[in-house]
Amino acid sequence: LEKMQSQILDEARRNADEILEQAEKEAGEIREEAGKSAQAESSR
């Protein structure tokens, strides 16, 4: 039971890390896109 709990927790951590990593990646892309958009708007 402990083994199973440990595996579930590890998998949940990995999933959480993947989700967090994906969220950070998307946030970075959004920031980069917003920066480009802001730069283009400010240039215009």
ModelCIF file with pLDDT and N, C-alpha, C, O atoms, coordinates in Angstrom:
data_MODEL
#
_entry.id   MODEL 
#
_entity.id                         1 
_entity.type                       polymer 
_entity.pdbx_number_of_molecules   1 
#
_entity_poly.entity_id                      1 
_entity_poly.type                           'polypeptide(L)' 
_entity_poly.nstd_linkage                   no 
_entity_poly.nstd_monomer                   no 
_entity_poly.pdbx_seq_one_letter_code       LEKMQSQILDEARRNADEILEQAEKEAGEIREEAGKSAQAESSR 
_entity_poly.pdbx_seq_one_letter_code_can   LEKMQSQILDEARRNADEILEQAEKEAGEIREEAGKSAQAESSR 
_entity_poly.pdbx_strand_id                 A 
#
loop_
_entity_poly_seq.entity_id 
_entity_poly_seq.num 
_entity_poly_seq.mon_id 
_entity_poly_seq.hetero 
1 1  LEU n 
1 2  GLU n 
1 3  LYS n 
1 4  MET n 
1 5  GLN n 
1 6  SER n 
1 7  GLN n 
1 8  ILE n 
1 9  LEU n 
1 10 ASP n 
1 11 GLU n 
1 12 ALA n 
1 13 ARG n 
1 14 ARG n 
1 15 ASN n 
1 16 ALA n 
1 17 ASP n 
1 18 GLU n 
1 19 ILE n 
1 20 LEU n 
1 21 GLU n 
1 22 GLN n 
1 23 ALA n 
1 24 GLU n 
1 25 LYS n 
1 26 GLU n 
1 27 ALA n 
1 28 GLY n 
1 29 GLU n 
1 30 ILE n 
1 31 ARG n 
1 32 GLU n 
1 33 GLU n 
1 34 ALA n 
1 35 GLY n 
1 36 LYS n 
1 37 SER n 
1 38 ALA n 
1 39 GLN n 
1 40 ALA n 
1 41 GLU n 
1 42 SER n 
1 43 SER n 
1 44 ARG n 
#
_struct_asym.id          A 
_struct_asym.entity_id   1 
#
loop_
_ma_qa_metric.id 
_ma_qa_metric.mode 
_ma_qa_metric.name 
_ma_qa_metric.software_group_id 
_ma_qa_metric.type 
1 global pLDDT . pLDDT 
2 local  pLDDT . pLDDT 
#
_ma_qa_metric_global.metric_id      1 
_ma_qa_metric_global.metric_value   77.14 
_ma_qa_metric_global.model_id       1 
_ma_qa_metric_global.ordinal_id     1 
#
loop_
_ma_qa_metric_local.label_asym_id 
_ma_qa_metric_local.label_comp_id 
_ma_qa_metric_local.label_seq_id 
_ma_qa_metric_local.metric_id 
_ma_qa_metric_local.metric_value 
_ma_qa_metric_local.model_id 
_ma_qa_metric_local.ordinal_id 
A LEU 1  2 69.00 1 1  
A GLU 2  2 76.00 1 2  
A LYS 3  2 76.00 1 3  
A MET 4  2 75.00 1 4  
A GLN 5  2 75.00 1 5  
A SER 6  2 77.00 1 6  
A GLN 7  2 77.00 1 7  
A ILE 8  2 75.00 1 8  
A LEU 9  2 72.00 1 9  
A ASP 10 2 75.00 1 10 
A GLU 11 2 77.00 1 11 
A ALA 12 2 71.00 1 12 
A ARG 13 2 78.00 1 13 
A ARG 14 2 80.00 1 14 
A ASN 15 2 76.00 1 15 
A ALA 16 2 70.00 1 16 
A ASP 17 2 74.00 1 17 
A GLU 18 2 79.00 1 18 
A ILE 19 2 76.00 1 19 
A LEU 20 2 75.00 1 20 
A GLU 21 2 81.00 1 21 
A GLN 22 2 82.00 1 22 
A ALA 23 2 71.00 1 23 
A GLU 24 2 79.00 1 24 
A LYS 25 2 82.00 1 25 
A GLU 26 2 77.00 1 26 
A ALA 27 2 71.00 1 27 
A GLY 28 2 78.00 1 28 
A GLU 29 2 77.00 1 29 
A ILE 30 2 77.00 1 30 
A ARG 31 2 80.00 1 31 
A GLU 32 2 81.00 1 32 
A GLU 33 2 82.00 1 33 
A ALA 34 2 74.00 1 34 
A GLY 35 2 77.00 1 35 
A LYS 36 2 80.00 1 36 
A SER 37 2 79.00 1 37 
A ALA 38 2 74.00 1 38 
A GLN 39 2 82.00 1 39 
A ALA 40 2 79.00 1 40 
A GLU 41 2 80.00 1 41 
A SER 42 2 80.00 1 42 
A SER 43 2 82.00 1 43 
A ARG 44 2 86.00 1 44 
#
loop_
_atom_site.group_PDB 
_atom_site.id 
_atom_site.type_symbol 
_atom_site.label_atom_id 
_atom_site.label_alt_id 
_atom_site.label_comp_id 
_atom_site.label_asym_id 
_atom_site.label_entity_id 
_atom_site.label_seq_id 
_atom_site.pdbx_PDB_ins_code 
_atom_site.Cartn_x 
_atom_site.Cartn_y 
_atom_site.Cartn_z 
_atom_site.occupancy 
_atom_site.B_iso_or_equiv 
_atom_site.pdbx_formal_charge 
_atom_site.auth_seq_id 
_atom_site.auth_comp_id 
_atom_site.auth_asym_id 
_atom_site.auth_atom_id 
_atom_site.pdbx_PDB_model_num 
ATOM 1   N N  . LEU A 1 1  ? 0.837 -1.194 0.000   1.00 69.00 ? 1  LEU A N  1 
ATOM 2   C CA . LEU A 1 1  ? 0.000 0.000  0.000   1.00 69.00 ? 1  LEU A CA 1 
ATOM 3   C C  . LEU A 1 1  ? 0.871 1.242  0.000   1.00 69.00 ? 1  LEU A C  1 
ATOM 4   O O  . LEU A 1 1  ? 0.606 2.202  -0.724  1.00 69.00 ? 1  LEU A O  1 
ATOM 5   N N  . GLU A 1 2  ? 1.878 1.215  0.792   1.00 76.00 ? 2  GLU A N  1 
ATOM 6   C CA . GLU A 1 2  ? 2.784 2.361  0.865   1.00 76.00 ? 2  GLU A CA 1 
ATOM 7   C C  . GLU A 1 2  ? 3.477 2.553  -0.474  1.00 76.00 ? 2  GLU A C  1 
ATOM 8   O O  . GLU A 1 2  ? 3.686 3.673  -0.941  1.00 76.00 ? 2  GLU A O  1 
ATOM 9   N N  . LYS A 1 3  ? 3.831 1.409  -1.083  1.00 76.00 ? 3  LYS A N  1 
ATOM 10  C CA . LYS A 1 3  ? 4.498 1.459  -2.371  1.00 76.00 ? 3  LYS A CA 1 
ATOM 11  C C  . LYS A 1 3  ? 3.568 2.112  -3.408  1.00 76.00 ? 3  LYS A C  1 
ATOM 12  O O  . LYS A 1 3  ? 3.974 2.963  -4.199  1.00 76.00 ? 3  LYS A O  1 
ATOM 13  N N  . MET A 1 4  ? 2.374 1.693  -3.365  1.00 75.00 ? 4  MET A N  1 
ATOM 14  C CA . MET A 1 4  ? 1.398 2.214  -4.313  1.00 75.00 ? 4  MET A CA 1 
ATOM 15  C C  . MET A 1 4  ? 1.178 3.709  -4.068  1.00 75.00 ? 4  MET A C  1 
ATOM 16  O O  . MET A 1 4  ? 1.098 4.490  -5.017  1.00 75.00 ? 4  MET A O  1 
ATOM 17  N N  . GLN A 1 5  ? 1.084 4.094  -2.836  1.00 75.00 ? 5  GLN A N  1 
ATOM 18  C CA . GLN A 1 5  ? 0.905 5.508  -2.496  1.00 75.00 ? 5  GLN A CA 1 
ATOM 19  C C  . GLN A 1 5  ? 2.104 6.309  -2.984  1.00 75.00 ? 5  GLN A C  1 
ATOM 20  O O  . GLN A 1 5  ? 1.950 7.402  -3.529  1.00 75.00 ? 5  GLN A O  1 
ATOM 21  N N  . SER A 1 6  ? 3.283 5.767  -2.787  1.00 77.00 ? 6  SER A N  1 
ATOM 22  C CA . SER A 1 6  ? 4.508 6.424  -3.193  1.00 77.00 ? 6  SER A CA 1 
ATOM 23  C C  . SER A 1 6  ? 4.522 6.607  -4.711  1.00 77.00 ? 6  SER A C  1 
ATOM 24  O O  . SER A 1 6  ? 4.887 7.673  -5.207  1.00 77.00 ? 6  SER A O  1 
ATOM 25  N N  . GLN A 1 7  ? 4.124 5.564  -5.448  1.00 77.00 ? 7  GLN A N  1 
ATOM 26  C CA . GLN A 1 7  ? 4.089 5.640  -6.905  1.00 77.00 ? 7  GLN A CA 1 
ATOM 27  C C  . GLN A 1 7  ? 3.069 6.689  -7.358  1.00 77.00 ? 7  GLN A C  1 
ATOM 28  O O  . GLN A 1 7  ? 3.337 7.465  -8.275  1.00 77.00 ? 7  GLN A O  1 
ATOM 29  N N  . ILE A 1 8  ? 1.904 6.707  -6.714  1.00 75.00 ? 8  ILE A N  1 
ATOM 30  C CA . ILE A 1 8  ? 0.851 7.669  -7.076  1.00 75.00 ? 8  ILE A CA 1 
ATOM 31  C C  . ILE A 1 8  ? 1.343 9.100  -6.802  1.00 75.00 ? 8  ILE A C  1 
ATOM 32  O O  . ILE A 1 8  ? 1.141 10.017 -7.598  1.00 75.00 ? 8  ILE A O  1 
ATOM 33  N N  . LEU A 1 9  ? 2.001 9.248  -5.632  1.00 72.00 ? 9  LEU A N  1 
ATOM 34  C CA . LEU A 1 9  ? 2.523 10.572 -5.283  1.00 72.00 ? 9  LEU A CA 1 
ATOM 35  C C  . LEU A 1 9  ? 3.604 10.997 -6.268  1.00 72.00 ? 9  LEU A C  1 
ATOM 36  O O  . LEU A 1 9  ? 3.631 12.146 -6.708  1.00 72.00 ? 9  LEU A O  1 
ATOM 37  N N  . ASP A 1 10 ? 4.507 10.058 -6.618  1.00 75.00 ? 10 ASP A N  1 
ATOM 38  C CA . ASP A 1 10 ? 5.573 10.380 -7.588  1.00 75.00 ? 10 ASP A CA 1 
ATOM 39  C C  . ASP A 1 10 ? 4.969 10.763 -8.937  1.00 75.00 ? 10 ASP A C  1 
ATOM 40  O O  . ASP A 1 10 ? 5.388 11.727 -9.579  1.00 75.00 ? 10 ASP A O  1 
ATOM 41  N N  . GLU A 1 11 ? 3.976 9.983  -9.342  1.00 77.00 ? 11 GLU A N  1 
ATOM 42  C CA . GLU A 1 11 ? 3.349 10.262 -10.623 1.00 77.00 ? 11 GLU A CA 1 
ATOM 43  C C  . GLU A 1 11 ? 2.610 11.596 -10.561 1.00 77.00 ? 11 GLU A C  1 
ATOM 44  O O  . GLU A 1 11 ? 2.643 12.361 -11.525 1.00 77.00 ? 11 GLU A O  1 
ATOM 45  N N  . ALA A 1 12 ? 1.955 11.882 -9.460  1.00 71.00 ? 12 ALA A N  1 
ATOM 46  C CA . ALA A 1 12 ? 1.238 13.143 -9.280  1.00 71.00 ? 12 ALA A CA 1 
ATOM 47  C C  . ALA A 1 12 ? 2.228 14.299 -9.304  1.00 71.00 ? 12 ALA A C  1 
ATOM 48  O O  . ALA A 1 12 ? 1.960 15.348 -9.890  1.00 71.00 ? 12 ALA A O  1 
ATOM 49  N N  . ARG A 1 13 ? 3.409 14.091 -8.642  1.00 78.00 ? 13 ARG A N  1 
ATOM 50  C CA . ARG A 1 13 ? 4.438 15.144 -8.665  1.00 78.00 ? 13 ARG A CA 1 
ATOM 51  C C  . ARG A 1 13 ? 4.944 15.377 -10.079 1.00 78.00 ? 13 ARG A C  1 
ATOM 52  O O  . ARG A 1 13 ? 5.106 16.513 -10.524 1.00 78.00 ? 13 ARG A O  1 
ATOM 53  N N  . ARG A 1 14 ? 5.193 14.251 -10.785 1.00 80.00 ? 14 ARG A N  1 
ATOM 54  C CA . ARG A 1 14 ? 5.672 14.385 -12.162 1.00 80.00 ? 14 ARG A CA 1 
ATOM 55  C C  . ARG A 1 14 ? 4.624 15.114 -13.017 1.00 80.00 ? 14 ARG A C  1 
ATOM 56  O O  . ARG A 1 14 ? 4.952 16.012 -13.793 1.00 80.00 ? 14 ARG A O  1 
ATOM 57  N N  . ASN A 1 15 ? 3.367 14.710 -12.859 1.00 76.00 ? 15 ASN A N  1 
ATOM 58  C CA . ASN A 1 15 ? 2.282 15.369 -13.607 1.00 76.00 ? 15 ASN A CA 1 
ATOM 59  C C  . ASN A 1 15 ? 2.201 16.860 -13.233 1.00 76.00 ? 15 ASN A C  1 
ATOM 60  O O  . ASN A 1 15 ? 2.047 17.727 -14.094 1.00 76.00 ? 15 ASN A O  1 
ATOM 61  N N  . ALA A 1 16 ? 2.308 17.123 -11.951 1.00 70.00 ? 16 ALA A N  1 
ATOM 62  C CA . ALA A 1 16 ? 2.254 18.508 -11.480 1.00 70.00 ? 16 ALA A CA 1 
ATOM 63  C C  . ALA A 1 16 ? 3.432 19.284 -12.044 1.00 70.00 ? 16 ALA A C  1 
ATOM 64  O O  . ALA A 1 16 ? 3.297 20.425 -12.487 1.00 70.00 ? 16 ALA A O  1 
ATOM 65  N N  . ASP A 1 17 ? 4.633 18.614 -12.015 1.00 74.00 ? 17 ASP A N  1 
ATOM 66  C CA . ASP A 1 17 ? 5.827 19.289 -12.564 1.00 74.00 ? 17 ASP A CA 1 
ATOM 67  C C  . ASP A 1 17 ? 5.662 19.540 -14.053 1.00 74.00 ? 17 ASP A C  1 
ATOM 68  O O  . ASP A 1 17 ? 6.019 20.604 -14.559 1.00 74.00 ? 17 ASP A O  1 
ATOM 69  N N  . GLU A 1 18 ? 5.109 18.534 -14.762 1.00 79.00 ? 18 GLU A N  1 
ATOM 70  C CA . GLU A 1 18 ? 4.902 18.699 -16.207 1.00 79.00 ? 18 GLU A CA 1 
ATOM 71  C C  . GLU A 1 18 ? 3.887 19.830 -16.477 1.00 79.00 ? 18 GLU A C  1 
ATOM 72  O O  . GLU A 1 18 ? 4.081 20.672 -17.354 1.00 79.00 ? 18 GLU A O  1 
ATOM 73  N N  . ILE A 1 19 ? 2.816 19.812 -15.699 1.00 76.00 ? 19 ILE A N  1 
ATOM 74  C CA . ILE A 1 19 ? 1.778 20.855 -15.859 1.00 76.00 ? 19 ILE A CA 1 
ATOM 75  C C  . ILE A 1 19 ? 2.375 22.221 -15.542 1.00 76.00 ? 19 ILE A C  1 
ATOM 76  O O  . ILE A 1 19 ? 2.141 23.196 -16.257 1.00 76.00 ? 19 ILE A O  1 
ATOM 77  N N  . LEU A 1 20 ? 3.151 22.277 -14.459 1.00 75.00 ? 20 LEU A N  1 
ATOM 78  C CA . LEU A 1 20 ? 3.788 23.533 -14.061 1.00 75.00 ? 20 LEU A CA 1 
ATOM 79  C C  . LEU A 1 20 ? 4.773 24.002 -15.124 1.00 75.00 ? 20 LEU A C  1 
ATOM 80  O O  . LEU A 1 20 ? 4.821 25.178 -15.485 1.00 75.00 ? 20 LEU A O  1 
ATOM 81  N N  . GLU A 1 21 ? 5.575 23.020 -15.626 1.00 81.00 ? 21 GLU A N  1 
ATOM 82  C CA . GLU A 1 21 ? 6.549 23.343 -16.677 1.00 81.00 ? 21 GLU A CA 1 
ATOM 83  C C  . GLU A 1 21 ? 5.825 23.831 -17.926 1.00 81.00 ? 21 GLU A C  1 
ATOM 84  O O  . GLU A 1 21 ? 6.246 24.807 -18.546 1.00 81.00 ? 21 GLU A O  1 
ATOM 85  N N  . GLN A 1 22 ? 4.723 23.149 -18.304 1.00 82.00 ? 22 GLN A N  1 
ATOM 86  C CA . GLN A 1 22 ? 3.937 23.541 -19.478 1.00 82.00 ? 22 GLN A CA 1 
ATOM 87  C C  . GLN A 1 22 ? 3.318 24.930 -19.266 1.00 82.00 ? 22 GLN A C  1 
ATOM 88  O O  . GLN A 1 22 ? 3.300 25.760 -20.174 1.00 82.00 ? 22 GLN A O  1 
ATOM 89  N N  . ALA A 1 23 ? 2.811 25.162 -18.050 1.00 71.00 ? 23 ALA A N  1 
ATOM 90  C CA . ALA A 1 23 ? 2.208 26.451 -17.727 1.00 71.00 ? 23 ALA A CA 1 
ATOM 91  C C  . ALA A 1 23 ? 3.247 27.561 -17.803 1.00 71.00 ? 23 ALA A C  1 
ATOM 92  O O  . ALA A 1 23 ? 2.981 28.646 -18.320 1.00 71.00 ? 23 ALA A O  1 
ATOM 93  N N  . GLU A 1 24 ? 4.458 27.264 -17.266 1.00 79.00 ? 24 GLU A N  1 
ATOM 94  C CA . GLU A 1 24 ? 5.531 28.276 -17.331 1.00 79.00 ? 24 GLU A CA 1 
ATOM 95  C C  . GLU A 1 24 ? 5.941 28.537 -18.774 1.00 79.00 ? 24 GLU A C  1 
ATOM 96  O O  . GLU A 1 24 ? 6.199 29.675 -19.164 1.00 79.00 ? 24 GLU A O  1 
ATOM 97  N N  . LYS A 1 25 ? 5.997 27.454 -19.569 1.00 82.00 ? 25 LYS A N  1 
ATOM 98  C CA . LYS A 1 25 ? 6.349 27.592 -20.987 1.00 82.00 ? 25 LYS A CA 1 
ATOM 99  C C  . LYS A 1 25 ? 5.315 28.462 -21.705 1.00 82.00 ? 25 LYS A C  1 
ATOM 100 O O  . LYS A 1 25 ? 5.661 29.379 -22.449 1.00 82.00 ? 25 LYS A O  1 
ATOM 101 N N  . GLU A 1 26 ? 4.013 28.145 -21.460 1.00 77.00 ? 26 GLU A N  1 
ATOM 102 C CA . GLU A 1 26 ? 2.936 28.926 -22.086 1.00 77.00 ? 26 GLU A CA 1 
ATOM 103 C C  . GLU A 1 26 ? 2.949 30.369 -21.599 1.00 77.00 ? 26 GLU A C  1 
ATOM 104 O O  . GLU A 1 26 ? 2.732 31.293 -22.383 1.00 77.00 ? 26 GLU A O  1 
ATOM 105 N N  . ALA A 1 27 ? 3.201 30.564 -20.312 1.00 71.00 ? 27 ALA A N  1 
ATOM 106 C CA . ALA A 1 27 ? 3.271 31.930 -19.772 1.00 71.00 ? 27 ALA A CA 1 
ATOM 107 C C  . ALA A 1 27 ? 4.424 32.682 -20.423 1.00 71.00 ? 27 ALA A C  1 
ATOM 108 O O  . ALA A 1 27 ? 4.291 33.861 -20.751 1.00 71.00 ? 27 ALA A O  1 
ATOM 109 N N  . GLY A 1 28 ? 5.552 32.008 -20.610 1.00 78.00 ? 28 GLY A N  1 
ATOM 110 C CA . GLY A 1 28 ? 6.701 32.630 -21.283 1.00 78.00 ? 28 GLY A CA 1 
ATOM 111 C C  . GLY A 1 28 ? 6.368 33.014 -22.716 1.00 78.00 ? 28 GLY A C  1 
ATOM 112 O O  . GLY A 1 28 ? 6.718 34.097 -23.184 1.00 78.00 ? 28 GLY A O  1 
ATOM 113 N N  . GLU A 1 29 ? 5.674 32.091 -23.413 1.00 77.00 ? 29 GLU A N  1 
ATOM 114 C CA . GLU A 1 29 ? 5.274 32.375 -24.794 1.00 77.00 ? 29 GLU A CA 1 
ATOM 115 C C  . GLU A 1 29 ? 4.310 33.565 -24.832 1.00 77.00 ? 29 GLU A C  1 
ATOM 116 O O  . GLU A 1 29 ? 4.404 34.445 -25.688 1.00 77.00 ? 29 GLU A O  1 
ATOM 117 N N  . ILE A 1 30 ? 3.383 33.557 -23.872 1.00 77.00 ? 30 ILE A N  1 
ATOM 118 C CA . ILE A 1 30 ? 2.408 34.669 -23.806 1.00 77.00 ? 30 ILE A CA 1 
ATOM 119 C C  . ILE A 1 30 ? 3.144 35.977 -23.528 1.00 77.00 ? 30 ILE A C  1 
ATOM 120 O O  . ILE A 1 30 ? 2.866 37.004 -24.147 1.00 77.00 ? 30 ILE A O  1 
ATOM 121 N N  . ARG A 1 31 ? 4.110 35.920 -22.563 1.00 80.00 ? 31 ARG A N  1 
ATOM 122 C CA . ARG A 1 31 ? 4.883 37.142 -22.267 1.00 80.00 ? 31 ARG A CA 1 
ATOM 123 C C  . ARG A 1 31 ? 5.656 37.610 -23.493 1.00 80.00 ? 31 ARG A C  1 
ATOM 124 O O  . ARG A 1 31 ? 5.686 38.797 -23.815 1.00 80.00 ? 31 ARG A O  1 
ATOM 125 N N  . GLU A 1 32 ? 6.287 36.636 -24.175 1.00 81.00 ? 32 GLU A N  1 
ATOM 126 C CA . GLU A 1 32 ? 7.080 36.973 -25.371 1.00 81.00 ? 32 GLU A CA 1 
ATOM 127 C C  . GLU A 1 32 ? 6.188 37.559 -26.458 1.00 81.00 ? 32 GLU A C  1 
ATOM 128 O O  . GLU A 1 32 ? 6.535 38.555 -27.093 1.00 81.00 ? 32 GLU A O  1 
ATOM 129 N N  . GLU A 1 33 ? 5.027 36.925 -26.663 1.00 82.00 ? 33 GLU A N  1 
ATOM 130 C CA . GLU A 1 33 ? 4.072 37.419 -27.662 1.00 82.00 ? 33 GLU A CA 1 
ATOM 131 C C  . GLU A 1 33 ? 3.554 38.803 -27.283 1.00 82.00 ? 33 GLU A C  1 
ATOM 132 O O  . GLU A 1 33 ? 3.429 39.686 -28.132 1.00 82.00 ? 33 GLU A O  1 
ATOM 133 N N  . ALA A 1 34 ? 3.254 38.980 -25.996 1.00 74.00 ? 34 ALA A N  1 
ATOM 134 C CA . ALA A 1 34 ? 2.772 40.282 -25.516 1.00 74.00 ? 34 ALA A CA 1 
ATOM 135 C C  . ALA A 1 34 ? 3.867 41.333 -25.677 1.00 74.00 ? 34 ALA A C  1 
ATOM 136 O O  . ALA A 1 34 ? 3.590 42.475 -26.044 1.00 74.00 ? 34 ALA A O  1 
ATOM 137 N N  . GLY A 1 35 ? 5.112 40.945 -25.401 1.00 77.00 ? 35 GLY A N  1 
ATOM 138 C CA . GLY A 1 35 ? 6.230 41.879 -25.571 1.00 77.00 ? 35 GLY A CA 1 
ATOM 139 C C  . GLY A 1 35 ? 6.391 42.296 -27.022 1.00 77.00 ? 35 GLY A C  1 
ATOM 140 O O  . GLY A 1 35 ? 6.586 43.470 -27.335 1.00 77.00 ? 35 GLY A O  1 
ATOM 141 N N  . LYS A 1 36 ? 6.301 41.264 -27.934 1.00 80.00 ? 36 LYS A N  1 
ATOM 142 C CA . LYS A 1 36 ? 6.402 41.570 -29.371 1.00 80.00 ? 36 LYS A CA 1 
ATOM 143 C C  . LYS A 1 36 ? 5.248 42.466 -29.798 1.00 80.00 ? 36 LYS A C  1 
ATOM 144 O O  . LYS A 1 36 ? 5.434 43.428 -30.544 1.00 80.00 ? 36 LYS A O  1 
ATOM 145 N N  . SER A 1 37 ? 4.048 42.134 -29.311 1.00 79.00 ? 37 SER A N  1 
ATOM 146 C CA . SER A 1 37 ? 2.861 42.914 -29.666 1.00 79.00 ? 37 SER A CA 1 
ATOM 147 C C  . SER A 1 37 ? 2.991 44.345 -29.123 1.00 79.00 ? 37 SER A C  1 
ATOM 148 O O  . SER A 1 37 ? 2.671 45.314 -29.811 1.00 79.00 ? 37 SER A O  1 
ATOM 149 N N  . ALA A 1 38 ? 3.467 44.456 -27.877 1.00 74.00 ? 38 ALA A N  1 
ATOM 150 C CA . ALA A 1 38 ? 3.646 45.782 -27.269 1.00 74.00 ? 38 ALA A CA 1 
ATOM 151 C C  . ALA A 1 38 ? 4.712 46.560 -28.028 1.00 74.00 ? 38 ALA A C  1 
ATOM 152 O O  . ALA A 1 38 ? 4.563 47.761 -28.255 1.00 74.00 ? 38 ALA A O  1 
ATOM 153 N N  . GLN A 1 39 ? 5.792 45.877 -28.422 1.00 82.00 ? 39 GLN A N  1 
ATOM 154 C CA . GLN A 1 39 ? 6.872 46.523 -29.179 1.00 82.00 ? 39 GLN A CA 1 
ATOM 155 C C  . GLN A 1 39 ? 6.339 47.017 -30.530 1.00 82.00 ? 39 GLN A C  1 
ATOM 156 O O  . GLN A 1 39 ? 6.610 48.145 -30.942 1.00 82.00 ? 39 GLN A O  1 
ATOM 157 N N  . ALA A 1 40 ? 5.573 46.150 -31.211 1.00 79.00 ? 40 ALA A N  1 
ATOM 158 C CA . ALA A 1 40 ? 4.994 46.525 -32.512 1.00 79.00 ? 40 ALA A CA 1 
ATOM 159 C C  . ALA A 1 40 ? 4.044 47.701 -32.351 1.00 79.00 ? 40 ALA A C  1 
ATOM 160 O O  . ALA A 1 40 ? 4.071 48.640 -33.146 1.00 79.00 ? 40 ALA A O  1 
ATOM 161 N N  . GLU A 1 41 ? 3.194 47.649 -31.310 1.00 80.00 ? 41 GLU A N  1 
ATOM 162 C CA . GLU A 1 41 ? 2.237 48.739 -31.066 1.00 80.00 ? 41 GLU A CA 1 
ATOM 163 C C  . GLU A 1 41 ? 2.970 50.035 -30.738 1.00 80.00 ? 41 GLU A C  1 
ATOM 164 O O  . GLU A 1 41 ? 2.606 51.106 -31.222 1.00 80.00 ? 41 GLU A O  1 
ATOM 165 N N  . SER A 1 42 ? 4.020 49.922 -29.897 1.00 80.00 ? 42 SER A N  1 
ATOM 166 C CA . SER A 1 42 ? 4.762 51.135 -29.541 1.00 80.00 ? 42 SER A CA 1 
ATOM 167 C C  . SER A 1 42 ? 5.496 51.686 -30.757 1.00 80.00 ? 42 SER A C  1 
ATOM 168 O O  . SER A 1 42 ? 5.598 52.903 -30.913 1.00 80.00 ? 42 SER A O  1 
ATOM 169 N N  . SER A 1 43 ? 6.017 50.801 -31.634 1.00 82.00 ? 43 SER A N  1 
ATOM 170 C CA . SER A 1 43 ? 6.664 51.260 -32.881 1.00 82.00 ? 43 SER A CA 1 
ATOM 171 C C  . SER A 1 43 ? 5.655 51.956 -33.783 1.00 82.00 ? 43 SER A C  1 
ATOM 172 O O  . SER A 1 43 ? 5.944 52.991 -34.384 1.00 82.00 ? 43 SER A O  1 
ATOM 173 N N  . ARG A 1 44 ? 4.445 51.358 -33.868 1.00 86.00 ? 44 ARG A N  1 
ATOM 174 C CA . ARG A 1 44 ? 3.395 51.969 -34.697 1.00 86.00 ? 44 ARG A CA 1 
ATOM 175 C C  . ARG A 1 44 ? 3.013 53.345 -34.149 1.00 86.00 ? 44 ARG A C  1 
ATOM 176 O O  . ARG A 1 44 ? 2.147 54.015 -34.711 1.00 86.00 ? 44 ARG A O  1 
#
